[in-house]
C-alpha atoms as a PDB file:
ATOM      1  CA  MET A   1       0.150   0.109   0.079  1.00  0.00           C
ATOM      2  CA  ALA A   2       2.878   2.382   0.815  1.00  0.00           C
ATOM      3  CA  ASN A   3       4.456   1.586  -2.491  1.00  0.00           C
ATOM      4  CA  SER A   4       1.191   2.416  -4.363  1.00  0.00           C
ATOM      5  CA  ASN A   5       1.025   5.462  -2.548  1.00  0.00           C
ATOM      6  CA  HIS A   6       4.762   6.746  -3.390  1.00  0.00           C
ATOM      7  CA  ILE A   7       3.978   5.858  -7.137  1.00  0.00           C
ATOM      8  CA  PHE A   8       0.514   8.274  -6.889  1.00  0.00           C
ATOM      9  CA  ALA A   9       2.760  11.022  -5.562  1.00  0.00           C
ATOM     10  CA  TYR A  10       5.462  10.783  -8.152  1.00  0.00           C
ATOM     11  CA  THR A  11       2.980  10.444 -11.174  1.00  0.00           C
ATOM     12  CA  GLU A  12       0.669  13.259  -9.469  1.00  0.00           C
ATOM     13  CA  THR A  13       4.211  15.502  -9.289  1.00  0.00           C
ATOM     14  CA  ARG A  14       5.565  14.674 -12.584  1.00  0.00           C
ATOM     15  CA  ILE A  15       2.083  15.464 -13.990  1.00  0.00           C
ATOM     16  CA  LYS A  16       2.033  18.713 -12.177  1.00  0.00           C
ATOM     17  CA  THR A  17       5.574  20.167 -13.222  1.00  0.00           C
ATOM     18  CA  ALA A  18       5.354  19.192 -16.767  1.00  0.00           C
ATOM     19  CA  SER A  19       4.813  21.188 -19.922  1.00  0.00           C
ATOM     20  CA  GLN A  20       1.879  21.550 -22.249  1.00  0.00           C
ATOM     21  CA  GLY A  21       3.867  19.411 -24.631  1.00  0.00           C
ATOM     22  CA  GLN A  22       4.796  17.178 -22.148  1.00  0.00           C
ATOM     23  CA  LEU A  23       1.577  16.546 -21.038  1.00  0.00           C
ATOM     24  CA  ILE A  24       0.186  15.717 -24.292  1.00  0.00           C
ATOM     25  CA  ILE A  25       2.830  13.273 -24.780  1.00  0.00           C
ATOM     26  CA  MET A  26       1.872  11.570 -21.651  1.00  0.00           C
ATOM     27  CA  LEU A  27      -1.907  11.489 -22.998  1.00  0.00           C
ATOM     28  CA  TYR A  28      -0.619   9.876 -26.413  1.00  0.00           C
ATOM     29  CA  ASN A  29       1.703   7.565 -24.259  1.00  0.00           C
ATOM     30  CA  GLU A  30      -1.287   6.459 -22.320  1.00  0.00           C
ATOM     31  CA  ALA A  31      -3.666   5.859 -25.107  1.00  0.00           C
ATOM     32  CA  VAL A  32      -1.270   3.920 -27.088  1.00  0.00           C
ATOM     33  CA  LYS A  33      -0.718   1.660 -23.703  1.00  0.00           C
ATOM     34  CA  GLN A  34      -4.474   1.251 -23.470  1.00  0.00           C
ATOM     35  CA  LEU A  35      -5.074   0.477 -26.942  1.00  0.00           C
ATOM     36  CA  ASP A  36      -1.977  -2.166 -26.876  1.00  0.00           C
ATOM     37  CA  HIS A  37      -3.909  -3.374 -23.370  1.00  0.00           C
ATOM     38  CA  GLY A  38      -6.811  -4.091 -25.315  1.00  0.00           C
ATOM     39  CA  LEU A  39      -5.285  -5.518 -28.602  1.00  0.00           C
ATOM     40  CA  GLU A  40      -3.357  -8.109 -26.181  1.00  0.00           C
ATOM     41  CA  LEU A  41      -6.402  -9.326 -24.432  1.00  0.00           C
ATOM     42  CA  LEU A  42      -8.232  -9.614 -27.911  1.00  0.00           C
ATOM     43  CA  GLU A  43      -4.865 -11.623 -29.339  1.00  0.00           C
ATOM     44  CA  ARG A  44      -5.462 -13.963 -26.413  1.00  0.00           C
ATOM     45  CA  ASN A  45      -9.291 -14.498 -27.214  1.00  0.00           C
ATOM     46  CA  ALA A  46      -8.337 -15.225 -31.134  1.00  0.00           C
ATOM     47  CA  GLY A  47      -6.034 -18.406 -30.609  1.00  0.00           C
ATOM     48  CA  GLY A  48      -8.748 -21.189 -29.261  1.00  0.00           C
ATOM     49  CA  LYS A  49     -11.520 -20.836 -26.904  1.00  0.00           C
ATOM     50  CA  LYS A  50     -12.771 -17.440 -26.301  1.00  0.00           C
ATOM     51  CA  ASN A  51     -12.958 -15.619 -23.079  1.00  0.00           C
ATOM     52  CA  PRO A  52     -15.907 -13.611 -22.413  1.00  0.00           C
ATOM     53  CA  ALA A  53     -14.342 -12.155 -19.244  1.00  0.00           C
ATOM     54  CA  ARG A  54     -11.746 -10.524 -21.592  1.00  0.00           C
ATOM     55  CA  ILE A  55     -14.645  -8.500 -23.292  1.00  0.00           C
ATOM     56  CA  GLU A  56     -15.281  -5.973 -20.089  1.00  0.00           C
ATOM     57  CA  PRO A  57     -11.347  -4.834 -19.954  1.00  0.00           C
ATOM     58  CA  VAL A  58     -11.250  -4.602 -23.731  1.00  0.00           C
ATOM     59  CA  SER A  59     -14.086  -2.336 -23.461  1.00  0.00           C
ATOM     60  CA  LYS A  60     -12.310  -0.603 -20.561  1.00  0.00           C
ATOM     61  CA  ALA A  61      -9.355   0.001 -22.207  1.00  0.00           C
ATOM     62  CA  ILE A  62     -11.134   0.843 -25.370  1.00  0.00           C
ATOM     63  CA  MET A  63     -13.141   3.552 -23.353  1.00  0.00           C
ATOM     64  CA  LYS A  64     -10.267   4.829 -21.429  1.00  0.00           C
ATOM     65  CA  THR A  65      -8.649   5.967 -25.085  1.00  0.00           C
ATOM     66  CA  GLN A  66     -11.810   7.478 -25.936  1.00  0.00           C
ATOM     67  CA  GLU A  67     -11.463   9.569 -23.074  1.00  0.00           C
ATOM     68  CA  ILE A  68      -7.835  10.551 -23.569  1.00  0.00           C
ATOM     69  CA  VAL A  69      -8.685  11.698 -27.361  1.00  0.00           C
ATOM     70  CA  THR A  70     -11.842  13.708 -25.875  1.00  0.00           C
ATOM     71  CA  GLU A  71      -9.270  15.473 -23.768  1.00  0.00           C
ATOM     72  CA  LEU A  72      -6.810  16.050 -26.630  1.00  0.00           C
ATOM     73  CA  MET A  73      -9.737  17.434 -28.675  1.00  0.00           C
ATOM     74  CA  ALA A  74     -10.487  19.652 -25.505  1.00  0.00           C
ATOM     75  CA  SER A  75      -6.975  20.912 -25.321  1.00  0.00           C
ATOM     76  CA  LEU A  76      -7.183  22.290 -28.952  1.00  0.00           C
ATOM     77  CA  ASP A  77      -6.731  25.880 -29.781  1.00  0.00           C
ATOM     78  CA  PHE A  78      -8.249  26.718 -32.688  1.00  0.00           C
ATOM     79  CA  GLU A  79      -7.607  30.332 -32.776  1.00  0.00           C
ATOM     80  CA  GLN A  80      -3.623  29.756 -32.559  1.00  0.00           C
ATOM     81  CA  GLY A  81      -3.797  26.554 -34.180  1.00  0.00           C
ATOM     82  CA  GLY A  82      -5.783  27.021 -37.278  1.00  0.00           C
ATOM     83  CA  ASP A  83      -6.028  24.697 -39.516  1.00  0.00           C
ATOM     84  CA  ILE A  84      -3.970  22.006 -37.862  1.00  0.00           C
ATOM     85  CA  ALA A  85      -6.149  22.472 -34.928  1.00  0.00           C
ATOM     86  CA  ARG A  86      -9.009  21.684 -37.086  1.00  0.00           C
ATOM     87  CA  ASN A  87      -7.604  18.631 -38.654  1.00  0.00           C
ATOM     88  CA  LEU A  88      -6.669  17.175 -35.500  1.00  0.00           C
ATOM     89  CA  PHE A  89     -10.271  18.095 -34.337  1.00  0.00           C
ATOM     90  CA  SER A  90     -11.494  15.849 -37.278  1.00  0.00           C
ATOM     91  CA  LEU A  91      -9.177  13.216 -37.084  1.00  0.00           C
ATOM     92  CA  TYR A  92      -9.747  12.655 -32.912  1.00  0.00           C
ATOM     93  CA  THR A  93     -13.392  12.919 -34.006  1.00  0.00           C
ATOM     94  CA  TRP A  94     -12.571   9.991 -36.616  1.00  0.00           C
ATOM     95  CA  PHE A  95     -10.387   7.991 -33.866  1.00  0.00           C
ATOM     96  CA  ASN A  96     -13.510   7.983 -31.236  1.00  0.00           C
ATOM     97  CA  LYS A  97     -15.722   6.950 -34.068  1.00  0.00           C
ATOM     98  CA  GLU A  98     -13.404   4.028 -34.808  1.00  0.00           C
ATOM     99  CA  LEU A  99     -12.966   3.368 -31.381  1.00  0.00           C
ATOM    100  CA  LEU A 100     -16.679   3.190 -30.556  1.00  0.00           C
ATOM    101  CA  THR A 101     -17.478   0.662 -33.870  1.00  0.00           C
ATOM    102  CA  ALA A 102     -14.302  -1.206 -32.893  1.00  0.00           C
ATOM    103  CA  ASN A 103     -15.559  -1.857 -29.146  1.00  0.00           C
ATOM    104  CA  ILE A 104     -18.844  -2.997 -30.030  1.00  0.00           C
ATOM    105  CA  ASP A 105     -17.336  -5.278 -32.417  1.00  0.00           C
ATOM    106  CA  GLN A 106     -14.244  -6.203 -30.529  1.00  0.00           C
ATOM    107  CA  ASP A 107     -12.297  -5.271 -33.945  1.00  0.00           C
ATOM    108  CA  PRO A 108      -8.835  -5.438 -33.398  1.00  0.00           C
ATOM    109  CA  GLN A 109      -7.925  -4.299 -36.748  1.00  0.00           C
ATOM    110  CA  LYS A 110     -10.099  -1.050 -36.434  1.00  0.00           C
ATOM    111  CA  ILE A 111      -8.028  -1.014 -32.700  1.00  0.00           C
ATOM    112  CA  ALA A 112      -4.580  -1.119 -34.528  1.00  0.00           C
ATOM    113  CA  THR A 113      -5.306   1.106 -37.115  1.00  0.00           C
ATOM    114  CA  VAL A 114      -5.811   3.969 -34.143  1.00  0.00           C
ATOM    115  CA  ARG A 115      -2.857   2.949 -32.060  1.00  0.00           C
ATOM    116  CA  ASN A 116      -0.555   3.296 -34.847  1.00  0.00           C
ATOM    117  CA  MET A 117      -2.335   6.785 -35.858  1.00  0.00           C
ATOM    118  CA  LEU A 118      -1.693   8.009 -32.566  1.00  0.00           C
ATOM    119  CA  ASN A 119       1.775   6.482 -31.784  1.00  0.00           C
ATOM    120  CA  ASP A 120       2.498   8.463 -35.180  1.00  0.00           C
ATOM    121  CA  LEU A 121       1.005  11.310 -33.914  1.00  0.00           C
ATOM    122  CA  ARG A 122       3.062  10.954 -30.610  1.00  0.00           C
ATOM    123  CA  GLY A 123       6.474  10.752 -32.407  1.00  0.00           C
ATOM    124  CA  ALA A 124       5.280  13.966 -34.229  1.00  0.00           C
ATOM    125  CA  TRP A 125       4.832  15.650 -30.561  1.00  0.00           C
ATOM    126  CA  SER A 126       7.868  14.433 -29.600  1.00  0.00           C
ATOM    127  CA  GLU A 127       9.900  16.110 -32.182  1.00  0.00           C
ATOM    128  CA  ILE A 128       8.007  19.384 -32.230  1.00  0.00           C
ATOM    129  CA  ILE A 129       9.187  19.110 -28.547  1.00  0.00           C
ATOM    130  CA  ALA A 130      12.416  18.258 -28.883  1.00  0.00           C
ATOM    131  CA  ARG A 131      12.710  21.195 -31.792  1.00  0.00           C
ATOM    132  CA  ASN A 132      11.258  23.801 -29.224  1.00  0.00           C
ATOM    133  CA  SER A 133      13.322  22.783 -26.189  1.00  0.00           C
ATOM    134  CA  MET A 134      16.610  23.106 -28.445  1.00  0.00           C
ATOM    135  CA  GLU A 135      15.460  26.979 -29.243  1.00  0.00           C
ATOM    136  CA  GLY A 136      15.830  27.716 -25.793  1.00  0.00           C
ATOM    137  CA  MET A 137      19.219  26.239 -25.702  1.00  0.00           C
ATOM    138  CA  GLY A 138      20.185  29.050 -28.657  1.00  0.00           C
ATOM    139  CA  HIS A 139      18.974  27.171 -31.651  1.00  0.00           C
ATOM    140  CA  PRO A 140      16.742  28.973 -34.065  1.00  0.00           C
ATOM    141  CA  SER A 141      13.236  28.934 -34.154  1.00  0.00           C
ATOM    142  CA  VAL A 142      11.065  26.349 -36.393  1.00  0.00           C
ATOM    143  CA  GLY A 143       8.328  28.860 -36.157  1.00  0.00           C
ATOM    144  CA  LEU A 144       6.083  26.085 -34.357  1.00  0.00           C
ATOM    145  CA  ASN A 145       3.964  27.071 -31.139  1.00  0.00           C
ATOM    146  CA  ILE A 146       2.518  24.298 -29.286  1.00  0.00           C
ATOM    147  CA  THR A 147      -1.050  24.962 -28.254  1.00  0.00           C
ATOM    148  CA  GLY A 148      -2.622  21.891 -27.031  1.00  0.00           C
END
């Protein structure tokens, strides 16, 4: 129990001290992790006898990812983000629709597609954040503003 409290305290501190860009990466990390977990459970069901007890944990992993995607949608700044924010909003909307269908059908292909796209976005955000942090070290600006 005490170890759990230490982990919670560490996680809470990490979140409170993170930059906006780091928070976005944390959201992407958790979304990918949840979908990986759901895919792992579905994969176990694919070989041999299906276990109905895995339906609920798969569903919870997908719903958690939908909550994260919704949080990413809410963090968009359409004034500063312009077309990029609008395009991300459309993509996030599509993710949630695909995840809803994937959850109903327990469809690993749809889950994998969304997972891979989220992972690609995570990589792009990581690159943007790395470039922006280099800017603070005297490197020239790349003209990007992380607004959420």
